[in-house]
Amino acid sequence: MEHYDRRESVFDLIRSMSKAEKRNFKLYAARQGDPRESKFIILFDCLEGMESYDEERILSRCPSIRKEQLPNMKAHLHRQILISLRLLGVQHSPLLQLQEQLDFARILFDKGLYNQADKQLDKAERMAAELEQHALMLQVTGLRRQVYECKDIEEERLERVVLRFSAENLSKRRKARLS
């Protein structure tokens, strides 16, 4: 039975995980190394061992987590579990791989690496076509349009710089010849 009470969503997510997913999450979480992260591992272990959600039991079993911290800790834990599951699922899901390609292209675009973003979009476009993911093809097309617009702007800037440099050089050479 799925619960829709927000405070139990992380509990339901943990209960739905396989042993392999839980093991993978613990490996993922151990790499985080931040003291705050250790609290979410403690919370994970506590919730994993419960048959039903009981906030008072959580607080008594996890003395390092204060009551006012619990909502944020649960939200953080929920997000970290989803990230871990996504990383695990990418290996087995072509759709997640395609979305990852789009995410990489967006990151490269946001960094101003338009040629790299364009190459990444080529990969995403091939995958979307193979998977017949027309909606994602539209996303590829939209991002590619942005990449080309920015590349055009960069090329125009470069042309202006080259023209300005050439004009300055030409002017200096004229002055040198006249002197």
Foldseek 3Di string as FASTA:
>chain_A
DDDPPVLCNLLVVLVPDDPVLVVLLVVVLVVVPDPLSVLLVQLSVQSNPDPDDDPVSSCVSRVVADPVCSVVSSVVNSVSSVVSVLVVCCVPDLVSVLVVLQVVLVVCVVVVVLVVSLVSLVVSCVSCVVVVVVVVNVVSVVSNVVSVVSVVVVVVVVVVVVVVVVVVVVVVVVVVVVD
